[in-house]
Protein backbone atom coordinates (compact mmCIF):
# COMPACT_ATOMS: atom_id res chain seq x y z
CA MET A 1 18.23 8.41 -20.33
CA THR A 2 17.67 6.47 -17.14
CA LEU A 3 14.59 5.13 -16.51
CA ARG A 4 12.69 6.02 -13.42
CA TYR A 5 10.97 3.59 -11.00
CA ALA A 6 10.24 2.63 -7.48
CA ILE A 7 8.60 0.56 -5.18
CA ILE A 8 5.89 2.98 -2.71
CA GLY A 9 4.78 1.10 0.50
CA ASN A 10 4.39 1.72 4.41
CA PRO A 11 7.07 0.74 5.68
CA VAL A 12 9.44 0.42 2.77
CA ALA A 13 12.62 0.51 3.81
CA HIS A 14 12.99 -3.27 4.16
CA SER A 15 12.23 -4.09 0.44
CA LYS A 16 15.00 -5.65 -1.72
CA SER A 17 13.12 -4.62 -4.79
CA PRO A 18 16.11 -2.08 -5.83
CA GLU A 19 18.50 -4.87 -5.28
CA ILE A 20 16.29 -6.79 -7.13
CA HIS A 21 16.03 -4.63 -10.39
CA ALA A 22 19.49 -3.44 -9.85
CA ALA A 23 20.91 -6.92 -11.12
CA PHE A 24 17.91 -7.41 -13.36
CA ALA A 25 19.24 -4.36 -15.21
CA ALA A 26 22.85 -5.41 -14.92
CA GLN A 27 21.94 -8.67 -16.60
CA THR A 28 19.86 -7.29 -19.53
CA GLY A 29 21.88 -4.22 -19.91
CA ILE A 30 19.02 -1.66 -19.39
CA ASP A 31 19.96 1.40 -17.78
CA LEU A 32 17.37 2.37 -14.78
CA ARG A 33 17.15 4.08 -11.32
CA TYR A 34 14.89 1.78 -8.95
CA GLU A 35 14.18 3.71 -5.72
CA ARG A 36 12.49 3.13 -2.18
CA LEU A 37 9.24 5.85 -1.57
CA LEU A 38 7.69 5.76 2.13
CA ALA A 39 4.03 6.63 1.88
CA PRO A 40 2.11 8.33 4.37
CA PRO A 41 -0.75 5.95 5.36
CA ASN A 42 -3.31 8.55 3.52
CA GLY A 43 -0.96 9.27 1.06
CA PHE A 44 -0.40 7.03 -2.01
CA ARG A 45 -2.19 8.84 -4.79
CA ALA A 46 -0.12 11.96 -3.49
CA THR A 47 2.98 9.75 -3.36
CA ALA A 48 2.62 7.89 -6.85
CA GLU A 49 1.51 11.10 -9.06
CA GLU A 50 4.76 12.94 -7.44
CA PHE A 51 6.38 10.28 -8.77
CA ARG A 52 4.84 10.05 -12.17
CA ALA A 53 4.80 13.81 -12.22
CA ASN A 54 8.73 13.78 -11.56
CA GLY A 55 9.40 11.09 -14.21
CA GLY A 56 8.58 8.25 -12.80
CA ARG A 57 7.29 4.92 -15.12
CA GLY A 58 6.40 2.77 -13.69
CA ALA A 59 6.09 1.18 -9.68
CA ASN A 60 5.73 -1.77 -7.36
CA VAL A 61 3.16 -1.25 -4.31
CA THR A 62 3.38 -3.13 -0.71
CA LEU A 63 1.62 -3.28 2.03
CA PRO A 64 -0.50 -1.24 2.69
CA PHE A 65 -1.49 -0.15 -0.79
CA LYS A 66 -2.39 -2.82 -3.25
CA LEU A 67 -5.96 -1.29 -2.56
CA ASP A 68 -5.29 2.21 -3.19
CA ALA A 69 -2.87 1.30 -5.86
CA PHE A 70 -6.41 -1.08 -7.48
CA ALA A 71 -8.02 2.46 -7.18
CA TYR A 72 -5.95 4.54 -8.23
CA ALA A 73 -5.43 2.77 -11.77
CA THR A 74 -6.92 4.08 -15.05
CA GLU A 75 -6.89 1.07 -16.32
CA VAL A 76 -5.85 -3.07 -14.87
CA SER A 77 -4.92 -6.29 -16.40
CA SER A 78 -7.51 -9.32 -16.10
CA ARG A 79 -5.20 -10.79 -12.82
CA ALA A 80 -5.77 -7.39 -10.91
CA ARG A 81 -9.38 -7.64 -11.78
CA ASP A 82 -9.52 -11.02 -10.64
CA ALA A 83 -8.20 -9.83 -7.12
CA GLY A 84 -9.30 -6.29 -6.68
CA ALA A 85 -5.83 -5.27 -5.54
CA VAL A 86 -2.42 -4.03 -7.89
CA ASN A 87 0.59 -4.60 -7.13
CA THR A 88 2.36 -3.00 -10.53
CA LEU A 89 1.61 0.22 -12.03
CA THR A 90 3.15 1.13 -15.22
CA PHE A 91 2.77 5.13 -16.38
CA ASP A 92 2.33 6.61 -19.92
CA ALA A 93 1.12 9.97 -20.73
CA THR A 94 -2.44 8.72 -20.64
CA ARG A 95 -3.13 6.16 -18.24
CA VAL A 96 -1.56 4.35 -15.39
CA PHE A 97 -2.50 0.91 -16.15
CA GLY A 98 -2.13 -1.59 -12.67
CA ASP A 99 -1.35 -5.12 -12.80
CA ASN A 100 -0.68 -7.86 -9.99
CA THR A 101 2.02 -9.88 -10.36
CA ASP A 102 2.32 -12.12 -7.06
CA GLY A 103 0.27 -14.77 -7.96
CA VAL A 104 2.44 -15.70 -10.78
CA GLY A 105 5.63 -15.07 -8.12
CA LEU A 106 4.19 -17.28 -6.01
CA VAL A 107 3.49 -20.17 -8.28
CA LYS A 108 6.63 -19.74 -9.88
CA ASP A 109 8.16 -19.73 -6.72
CA MET A 110 6.64 -23.14 -5.20
CA ARG A 111 5.95 -25.25 -8.61
CA ASP A 112 9.21 -24.22 -10.03
CA ASN A 113 11.59 -23.50 -8.10
CA LEU A 114 10.70 -25.35 -4.81
CA GLY A 115 9.12 -28.13 -6.74
CA PHE A 116 5.88 -28.10 -5.19
CA ALA A 117 3.06 -29.46 -7.14
CA ILE A 118 0.19 -27.53 -6.67
CA ALA A 119 -2.42 -29.31 -8.37
CA GLY A 120 -4.86 -31.95 -6.66
CA LYS A 121 -3.31 -30.00 -3.34
CA ARG A 122 -5.62 -28.51 0.07
CA VAL A 123 -4.22 -25.03 0.34
CA LEU A 124 -4.96 -23.19 3.46
CA ILE A 125 -4.73 -18.96 3.17
CA ALA A 126 -4.47 -17.49 5.85
CA GLY A 127 -5.11 -13.84 6.16
CA ALA A 128 -7.54 -11.93 3.52
CA GLY A 129 -5.83 -8.64 2.79
CA GLY A 130 -4.14 -7.52 -0.63
CA ALA A 131 -2.27 -10.34 -0.78
CA THR A 132 -4.90 -13.29 -0.29
CA ARG A 133 -6.08 -12.03 -3.59
CA GLY A 134 -2.79 -11.17 -5.59
CA VAL A 135 -2.65 -14.74 -5.12
CA ILE A 136 -5.96 -16.68 -5.47
CA GLY A 137 -6.55 -16.62 -9.22
CA PRO A 138 -3.27 -17.97 -10.21
CA LEU A 139 -3.29 -20.48 -7.41
CA LEU A 140 -6.77 -22.12 -8.39
CA ALA A 141 -5.41 -22.52 -12.01
CA GLU A 142 -3.07 -24.95 -10.23
CA ALA A 143 -6.45 -26.37 -10.15
CA PRO A 144 -5.50 -27.02 -6.23
CA ALA A 145 -8.37 -29.98 -4.71
CA VAL A 146 -9.38 -26.65 -2.43
CA ILE A 147 -8.62 -23.01 -1.31
CA ALA A 148 -9.68 -22.46 1.96
CA VAL A 149 -9.59 -18.93 3.44
CA ALA A 150 -9.43 -17.78 6.71
CA ASN A 151 -9.16 -14.81 8.61
CA ARG A 152 -10.02 -13.17 12.05
CA THR A 153 -12.71 -11.17 11.28
CA ILE A 154 -14.56 -13.64 8.46
CA SER A 155 -16.20 -10.74 6.65
CA LYS A 156 -13.35 -10.40 4.90
CA ALA A 157 -12.80 -13.46 3.79
CA GLU A 158 -15.62 -13.86 2.80
CA GLN A 159 -15.38 -10.66 0.57
CA ILE A 160 -12.35 -12.58 -1.90
CA VAL A 161 -14.34 -15.60 -2.35
CA GLN A 162 -17.31 -13.62 -3.42
CA LEU A 163 -15.20 -12.63 -6.44
CA TYR A 164 -14.58 -16.37 -7.36
CA ARG A 165 -18.49 -17.40 -6.54
CA LEU A 166 -18.59 -19.00 -9.76
CA VAL A 167 -15.73 -21.58 -8.42
CA SER A 168 -16.73 -24.65 -6.30
CA ASN A 169 -13.18 -25.19 -4.40
CA ILE A 170 -12.74 -21.82 -2.99
CA ILE A 171 -14.40 -22.13 0.64
CA VAL A 172 -13.96 -19.90 3.68
CA ILE A 173 -13.06 -21.43 7.09
CA ALA A 174 -13.36 -20.09 10.02
CA LEU A 175 -10.05 -19.90 12.88
CA ALA A 176 -12.49 -22.54 15.24
CA ASP A 177 -13.02 -24.80 12.97
CA LEU A 178 -9.75 -25.62 11.54
CA PRO A 179 -9.09 -28.11 14.57
CA GLY A 180 -9.54 -31.65 12.66
CA HIS A 181 -9.06 -30.04 9.29
CA GLN A 182 -5.33 -31.02 7.17
CA PHE A 183 -4.15 -28.71 4.23
CA ASP A 184 -1.12 -29.76 2.37
CA ILE A 185 0.21 -26.44 1.89
CA ILE A 186 -0.80 -23.60 4.58
CA ILE A 187 0.29 -19.90 3.45
CA ASN A 188 0.35 -16.87 5.91
CA ALA A 189 -0.63 -13.86 3.98
CA THR A 190 -1.36 -11.86 7.63
CA ALA A 191 0.82 -9.35 9.42
CA ALA A 192 1.81 -11.58 12.31
CA SER A 193 4.80 -11.98 11.52
CA LEU A 194 6.09 -7.80 11.17
CA LYS A 195 5.26 -8.67 14.91
CA ASP A 196 7.06 -11.40 15.81
CA ASP A 197 3.51 -13.07 16.12
CA LEU A 198 1.57 -16.51 15.60
CA PRO A 199 -1.36 -16.76 13.01
CA ILE A 200 -3.93 -18.85 14.86
CA ILE A 201 -3.17 -21.79 13.11
CA PRO A 202 -3.02 -25.41 15.08
CA ARG A 203 -0.26 -27.67 14.72
CA SER A 204 -2.49 -30.36 13.54
CA THR A 205 -3.69 -28.71 10.78
CA PHE A 206 0.00 -29.28 8.43
CA ALA A 207 -0.74 -32.20 6.74
CA GLU A 208 2.03 -35.10 6.31
CA GLY A 209 4.64 -33.54 3.89
CA SER A 210 2.51 -30.19 3.84
CA LEU A 211 4.64 -27.04 2.51
CA ALA A 212 4.08 -24.18 5.26
CA TYR A 213 4.90 -20.55 3.26
CA GLU A 214 5.35 -17.34 4.81
CA MET A 215 4.91 -14.86 2.77
CA MET A 216 7.17 -11.96 4.37
CA TYR A 217 10.57 -12.25 3.75
CA GLY A 218 13.44 -11.34 5.88
CA LYS A 219 12.40 -11.85 8.91
CA GLY A 220 14.40 -15.46 9.37
CA VAL A 221 12.03 -18.74 10.47
CA THR A 222 9.26 -16.93 11.77
CA PRO A 223 6.68 -18.13 14.89
CA PHE A 224 4.54 -19.74 11.65
CA LEU A 225 7.39 -21.86 9.61
CA ALA A 226 8.82 -22.96 13.25
CA LEU A 227 5.17 -24.11 14.17
CA GLY A 228 5.25 -25.93 10.41
CA ARG A 229 9.09 -27.58 11.13
CA GLN A 230 7.61 -28.66 14.42
CA ALA A 231 4.97 -30.60 12.34
CA GLY A 232 6.84 -31.75 10.14
CA ALA A 233 6.55 -29.14 7.46
CA SER A 234 8.73 -28.19 4.53
CA VAL A 235 9.36 -24.54 5.11
CA ALA A 236 9.51 -21.42 2.56
CA ASP A 237 9.45 -17.80 3.31
CA GLY A 238 8.28 -15.06 0.25
CA LEU A 239 12.24 -14.10 -0.68
CA GLY A 240 11.69 -16.52 -4.14
CA MET A 241 7.91 -14.83 -4.26
CA LEU A 242 9.60 -11.79 -4.22
CA VAL A 243 11.70 -12.50 -6.83
CA GLU A 244 9.13 -14.15 -9.11
CA GLN A 245 6.94 -11.32 -9.14
CA ALA A 246 9.63 -8.76 -9.61
CA ALA A 247 10.83 -10.30 -12.76
CA GLU A 248 7.05 -10.63 -14.04
CA SER A 249 6.45 -6.37 -13.26
CA PHE A 250 10.02 -6.17 -15.31
CA LEU A 251 8.87 -8.12 -18.03
CA ILE A 252 6.05 -5.94 -18.51
CA TRP A 253 8.25 -2.95 -18.03
CA HIS A 254 10.71 -3.49 -20.29
CA GLY A 255 9.24 -6.89 -22.40
CA ILE A 256 12.75 -9.25 -21.24
CA ARG A 257 12.01 -11.35 -18.46
CA PRO A 258 14.80 -11.54 -16.94
CA HIS A 259 17.10 -14.62 -15.09
CA THR A 260 16.34 -15.16 -11.62
CA GLU A 261 18.23 -18.35 -9.99
CA ALA A 262 21.70 -16.35 -9.23
CA VAL A 263 19.81 -12.74 -8.09
CA PHE A 264 17.62 -15.38 -5.72
CA ARG A 265 20.50 -17.22 -4.42
CA GLN A 266 22.38 -13.72 -3.62
CA LEU A 267 19.37 -12.54 -1.25
CA ARG A 268 19.18 -15.79 0.34
CA LEU A 269 23.14 -15.13 1.53
CA SER A 270 22.16 -12.15 3.53
CA ALA A 271 18.96 -13.43 4.72
CA PRO A 272 19.41 -17.10 5.71
CA LEU A 273 16.46 -19.39 6.23
CA ASN A 274 17.86 -21.64 9.06
């Protein structure tokens, strides 16, 4: 029997997840179908329920529904609970299990694929949405010197940091206070790149030898990455993170971790970063 999975989001037509999971399925010999589901702005639960009722076994969740997915799940993993956000749902007869693979995907991409160690580094995350919530826990586990969260609405950044109030090396930093501070890893988790805008990050924020990491993928060199290059930083988009978090979701669903390198290389051919 063909197993059914999906990615739920809005927008979702750009998602590479169907191609990734098809490649993983071919690699592991698992018979599955993976589709894109566009949910209305207030229609996540109805979309997920309909897919589940029609035989769906699980779903990935992308913007803007990761907090909705957390509320929808009847049981969540510890990393999803820490994040307060879910990007991977597993359906069975009695429960909806929520997990979050974003942070694992980001860390594996930075550390293993890019060879950029996180331990001892100063990390800045711009943005305070579900994407940021999903990656802070795994980043903290890598023992950075500090993680600073910056956002236009500072109260949203404060809400995230409050989730880790017992951790001393995570702080809120006001956008107005960024000048004069430097970071080794700067992550753009805002939606600015969807509109080809630049988040409010001064060029001076990039330390020597730093990494500019754009969570968005498929947009080429975004204004954020262009700024990073101008500041002398290494740059990466979220394509590697996407593949690695998908591999973690695949492991949750099927008990097998697929190989990611060839899948990433194939996707990069159609979405070059140059």
